[in-house]
């Protein structure tokens, strides 16, 4: 299922949606977090097309969302520069995804500080080893992955990977820059997987993100992604998420709560 076909059924008027071949973007019995967040973002954008660029979002993954759901979009506040919207995906009468999106017009800067480049630098994606995709039907099959750290198995609770949408190998995804960042920003498993004492499932509970450059592009479709656990205990992990372009420029940051089962 292409990204365009995933988004095509979402209309300008909120209401019922049926996705064709949604299983290509599933993680278990629900849409992968980045895909469901992108669907909610697209619903907001199409309902209110004149919005300024997205600056931040808070996404709650409340329950499973499959091929059938209803979109709901509510304007929380529209100010002179900033507009906040709530976009919900409702499945089976229950909210599956609830996202608050913050759109803000650019202003003359009163603070200037550039994030440092990615460190440690794993080397260019073209020079890193490719990683296999799972054989079972899973959203990760839509991506190419390459190793971006020497560590494997148990140890420091950080996961780093080069990743690229398969559709971006030839530029065919036709996604705008912000939609692409939302789709790919939650791709990696929690860094706490490296601290697990036994195998078990993990699940994202929420995702708060800040977009540093709403026009971000990268070389040959490659992005460097990282998840890192700051603290894991009592069945939950507090995770930091970062995304850099192929030259090591930070373009998006986030924080996430992950549920650790097993």
Protein backbone atom coordinates (compact mmCIF):
# COMPACT_ATOMS: atom_id res chain seq x y z
CA UNK A 1 0.00 0.00 0.00
CA UNK A 2 1.53 3.33 -1.04
CA UNK A 3 1.50 6.32 1.25
CA UNK A 4 -0.75 8.19 -1.17
CA UNK A 5 -3.32 5.40 -1.16
CA UNK A 6 -3.19 5.33 2.64
CA UNK A 7 -4.17 9.00 2.75
CA UNK A 8 -6.51 9.23 -0.25
CA UNK A 9 -9.71 8.26 1.64
CA UNK A 10 -9.32 11.15 4.11
CA UNK A 11 -11.64 13.94 3.04
CA UNK A 12 -11.90 17.63 3.81
CA UNK A 13 -14.96 16.95 5.95
CA UNK A 14 -14.39 14.84 9.08
CA UNK A 15 -16.34 11.59 9.19
CA UNK A 16 -16.13 7.84 8.43
CA UNK A 17 -13.02 6.54 6.66
CA UNK A 18 -12.25 3.11 5.18
CA UNK A 19 -8.62 2.43 4.26
CA UNK A 20 -7.83 -0.05 1.50
CA UNK A 21 -5.05 -2.57 2.28
CA UNK A 22 -4.34 -0.98 5.64
CA UNK A 23 -2.56 -4.17 6.74
CA UNK A 24 0.60 -2.94 4.99
CA UNK A 25 0.95 -0.30 7.73
CA UNK A 26 -0.12 -2.38 10.72
CA UNK A 27 1.87 -3.05 13.87
CA UNK A 28 0.01 -5.92 15.46
CA UNK A 29 -3.69 -5.09 15.28
CA UNK A 30 -3.34 -1.33 14.94
CA UNK A 31 -1.85 1.15 12.51
CA UNK A 32 1.80 1.84 13.30
CA UNK A 33 2.10 4.99 15.43
CA UNK A 34 3.67 7.17 12.74
CA UNK A 35 1.00 6.15 10.23
CA UNK A 36 -1.90 6.80 12.61
CA UNK A 37 -0.38 10.16 13.62
CA UNK A 38 -0.01 11.04 9.93
CA UNK A 39 -3.66 10.12 9.27
CA UNK A 40 -4.74 12.40 12.15
CA UNK A 41 -2.48 15.20 10.86
CA UNK A 42 -3.80 14.82 7.31
CA UNK A 43 -7.39 14.98 8.56
CA UNK A 44 -6.59 18.25 10.35
CA UNK A 45 -4.79 19.71 7.34
CA UNK A 46 -7.53 18.83 4.88
CA UNK A 47 -10.24 20.18 7.17
CA UNK A 48 -8.30 23.46 7.60
CA UNK A 49 -6.02 23.89 4.55
CA UNK A 50 -4.91 27.46 5.32
CA UNK A 51 -2.95 26.64 8.46
CA UNK A 52 0.67 27.77 8.97
CA UNK A 53 3.42 25.14 9.36
CA UNK A 54 3.26 22.51 12.09
CA UNK A 55 5.57 23.26 15.01
CA UNK A 56 4.66 20.66 17.64
CA UNK A 57 2.26 17.83 18.43
CA UNK A 58 1.15 15.68 21.35
CA UNK A 59 -0.21 12.31 20.26
CA UNK A 60 -1.94 9.80 22.56
CA UNK A 61 -2.24 6.22 21.33
CA UNK A 62 -5.36 5.24 23.24
CA UNK A 63 -6.47 2.08 21.44
CA UNK A 64 -6.25 0.10 18.20
CA UNK A 65 -7.11 1.77 14.89
CA UNK A 66 -7.48 -0.45 11.83
CA UNK A 67 -9.00 0.05 8.40
CA UNK A 68 -12.31 1.57 9.60
CA UNK A 69 -12.58 4.64 11.80
CA UNK A 70 -14.07 8.11 12.02
CA UNK A 71 -12.09 11.35 11.98
CA UNK A 72 -12.97 14.27 14.27
CA UNK A 73 -11.24 17.65 14.04
CA UNK A 74 -11.78 20.46 16.55
CA UNK A 75 -10.20 23.92 16.61
CA UNK A 76 -9.08 24.53 20.19
CA UNK A 77 -7.81 28.06 19.65
CA UNK A 78 -6.94 30.21 16.64
CA UNK A 79 -4.68 33.12 17.54
CA UNK A 80 -2.86 35.66 15.41
CA UNK A 81 0.21 33.41 14.94
CA UNK A 82 -0.62 30.05 16.51
CA UNK A 83 -3.55 27.69 15.95
CA UNK A 84 -4.12 24.56 18.00
CA UNK A 85 -6.31 21.71 16.76
CA UNK A 86 -7.40 18.39 18.21
CA UNK A 87 -7.64 15.56 15.68
CA UNK A 88 -9.09 12.21 16.75
CA UNK A 89 -9.42 8.79 15.13
CA UNK A 90 -12.45 6.99 16.59
CA UNK A 91 -12.82 3.24 16.06
CA UNK A 92 -15.73 1.17 17.36
CA UNK A 93 -17.08 4.19 19.22
CA UNK A 94 -13.83 4.67 21.17
CA UNK A 95 -10.99 7.12 20.63
CA UNK A 96 -7.99 5.25 19.27
CA UNK A 97 -5.74 8.26 18.58
CA UNK A 98 -6.06 11.75 20.02
CA UNK A 99 -3.60 14.33 18.70
CA UNK A 100 -3.17 18.00 19.51
CA UNK A 101 -1.38 19.83 16.70
CA UNK A 102 0.23 23.24 17.13
CA UNK A 103 0.56 25.27 13.92
CA UNK A 104 2.55 28.48 14.02
CA UNK A 105 3.53 31.19 11.56
CA UNK A 106 7.23 32.11 11.38
CA UNK A 107 8.27 35.31 13.14
CA UNK A 108 11.44 37.41 13.32
CA UNK A 109 13.69 35.42 15.70
CA UNK A 110 14.55 36.77 19.13
CA UNK A 111 16.60 33.68 20.03
CA UNK A 112 19.12 31.90 17.84
CA UNK A 113 20.69 28.58 18.77
CA UNK A 114 21.47 25.72 16.39
CA UNK A 115 21.44 22.14 17.66
CA UNK A 116 24.82 20.39 17.44
CA UNK A 117 25.37 17.81 14.70
CA UNK A 118 24.74 14.13 15.38
CA UNK A 119 27.37 12.71 17.72
CA UNK A 120 28.68 10.05 17.62
CA UNK A 121 28.55 10.05 13.84
CA UNK A 122 27.89 6.53 12.46
CA UNK A 123 29.22 7.24 8.98
CA UNK A 124 27.23 7.91 5.84
CA UNK A 125 24.20 5.65 5.31
CA UNK A 126 25.66 4.38 2.03
CA UNK A 127 28.66 3.03 3.99
CA UNK A 128 26.67 1.27 6.74
CA UNK A 129 25.49 -2.34 6.74
CA UNK A 130 21.89 -3.03 5.64
CA UNK A 131 19.55 -4.72 8.09
CA UNK A 132 16.93 -7.35 7.17
CA UNK A 133 13.21 -6.70 7.37
CA UNK A 134 10.86 -9.14 9.14
CA UNK A 135 9.31 -11.72 6.84
CA UNK A 136 5.83 -11.35 8.37
CA UNK A 137 3.47 -8.60 7.20
CA UNK A 138 4.54 -5.56 9.21
CA UNK A 139 4.77 -1.80 8.68
CA UNK A 140 8.59 -1.89 8.79
CA UNK A 141 8.60 -3.55 5.35
CA UNK A 142 7.90 -0.06 3.97
CA UNK A 143 11.38 1.05 5.08
CA UNK A 144 15.01 0.30 4.31
CA UNK A 145 17.15 0.07 7.43
CA UNK A 146 20.91 0.31 7.93
CA UNK A 147 22.98 -0.11 11.06
CA UNK A 148 24.07 3.14 12.75
CA UNK A 149 25.68 1.86 15.95
CA UNK A 150 28.17 -0.79 16.91
CA UNK A 151 26.21 -2.02 19.96
CA UNK A 152 23.92 -5.04 19.66
CA UNK A 153 21.85 -6.99 22.17
CA UNK A 154 21.72 -6.03 25.85
CA UNK A 155 23.53 -2.92 27.04
CA UNK A 156 23.13 0.82 26.70
CA UNK A 157 19.37 1.40 26.12
CA UNK A 158 19.76 3.28 22.83
CA UNK A 159 18.71 2.20 19.32
CA UNK A 160 20.11 4.05 16.28
CA UNK A 161 19.32 3.26 12.67
CA UNK A 162 19.59 4.84 9.27
CA UNK A 163 16.18 4.55 7.65
CA UNK A 164 14.56 5.41 4.36
CA UNK A 165 11.05 5.02 2.99
CA UNK A 166 11.22 2.60 0.10
CA UNK A 167 9.11 5.04 -1.91
CA UNK A 168 11.75 7.73 -1.36
CA UNK A 169 14.47 5.83 -3.20
CA UNK A 170 13.17 7.45 -6.38
CA UNK A 171 11.21 10.31 -4.79
CA UNK A 172 7.82 8.75 -5.53
CA UNK A 173 6.20 9.18 -2.11
CA UNK A 174 5.09 12.77 -2.90
CA UNK A 175 4.87 13.56 0.81
CA UNK A 176 5.34 17.11 2.02
CA UNK A 177 8.30 17.46 4.46
CA UNK A 178 6.21 17.62 7.66
CA UNK A 179 4.09 14.60 6.71
CA UNK A 180 7.26 12.63 6.04
CA UNK A 181 8.75 13.52 9.43
CA UNK A 182 5.56 12.44 11.21
CA UNK A 183 5.44 9.16 9.29
CA UNK A 184 9.05 8.17 9.98
CA UNK A 185 9.65 9.75 13.41
CA UNK A 186 8.25 6.84 15.45
CA UNK A 187 9.74 4.00 13.39
CA UNK A 188 12.29 2.54 15.82
CA UNK A 189 11.46 0.38 18.84
CA UNK A 190 12.06 1.91 22.29
CA UNK A 191 15.68 2.04 23.37
CA UNK A 192 14.64 0.21 26.55
CA UNK A 193 14.40 -3.00 24.51
CA UNK A 194 18.15 -3.28 25.13
CA UNK A 195 17.52 -3.29 28.90
CA UNK A 196 14.77 -5.94 28.90
CA UNK A 197 15.56 -8.97 31.03
CA UNK A 198 13.40 -11.31 28.92
CA UNK A 199 11.58 -11.13 25.57
CA UNK A 200 8.21 -9.39 25.54
CA UNK A 201 6.11 -6.89 23.60
CA UNK A 202 6.55 -3.12 23.77
CA UNK A 203 4.00 -0.45 22.95
CA UNK A 204 4.08 3.33 22.52
CA UNK A 205 1.62 5.07 24.85
CA UNK A 206 2.13 8.61 23.58
CA UNK A 207 4.44 10.78 21.50
CA UNK A 208 5.24 14.46 21.96
CA UNK A 209 7.26 15.99 19.15
CA UNK A 210 8.78 19.32 18.12
CA UNK A 211 9.58 19.98 14.46
CA UNK A 212 12.72 22.10 14.13
CA UNK A 213 12.52 22.58 10.36
CA UNK A 214 9.11 22.21 8.66
CA UNK A 215 10.87 22.24 5.26
CA UNK A 216 13.40 19.53 6.13
CA UNK A 217 14.78 17.48 3.23
CA UNK A 218 17.64 15.00 3.14
CA UNK A 219 20.05 13.31 0.75
CA UNK A 220 18.72 10.26 -1.12
CA UNK A 221 15.87 9.87 1.37
CA UNK A 222 18.09 8.80 4.31
CA UNK A 223 17.41 9.86 7.92
CA UNK A 224 19.25 8.97 11.13
CA UNK A 225 16.80 7.99 13.88
CA UNK A 226 17.44 7.34 17.57
CA UNK A 227 15.39 6.19 20.55
CA UNK A 228 16.97 6.25 24.00
CA UNK A 229 15.54 5.33 27.39
CA UNK A 230 16.13 7.83 30.19
CA UNK A 231 14.49 5.59 32.80
CA UNK A 232 12.75 2.22 32.67
CA UNK A 233 10.98 0.57 35.62
CA UNK A 234 7.58 -0.68 36.78
CA UNK A 235 6.56 -1.65 33.25
CA UNK A 236 7.18 1.73 31.57
CA UNK A 237 10.05 3.58 29.94
CA UNK A 238 10.60 7.30 29.35
CA UNK A 239 12.11 7.60 25.88
CA UNK A 240 13.84 10.40 23.96
CA UNK A 241 13.46 10.40 20.16
CA UNK A 242 15.67 12.32 17.74
CA UNK A 243 15.83 12.51 13.96
CA UNK A 244 18.69 13.92 11.87
CA UNK A 245 19.10 14.37 8.12
CA UNK A 246 21.84 12.57 6.17
CA UNK A 247 24.33 15.32 7.01
CA UNK A 248 23.73 15.09 10.78
CA UNK A 249 21.44 18.13 11.13
CA UNK A 250 18.78 17.69 13.82
CA UNK A 251 15.29 18.21 12.37
CA UNK A 252 12.89 16.73 14.96
CA UNK A 253 12.96 15.83 18.66
CA UNK A 254 10.44 14.07 20.85
CA UNK A 255 9.67 12.27 24.08
CA UNK A 256 7.56 9.18 24.55
CA UNK A 257 6.20 6.87 27.20
CA UNK A 258 6.47 3.20 26.26
CA UNK A 259 4.77 0.27 27.96
CA UNK A 260 7.08 -2.71 28.53
CA UNK A 261 5.27 -6.07 28.84
CA UNK A 262 6.44 -9.60 29.53
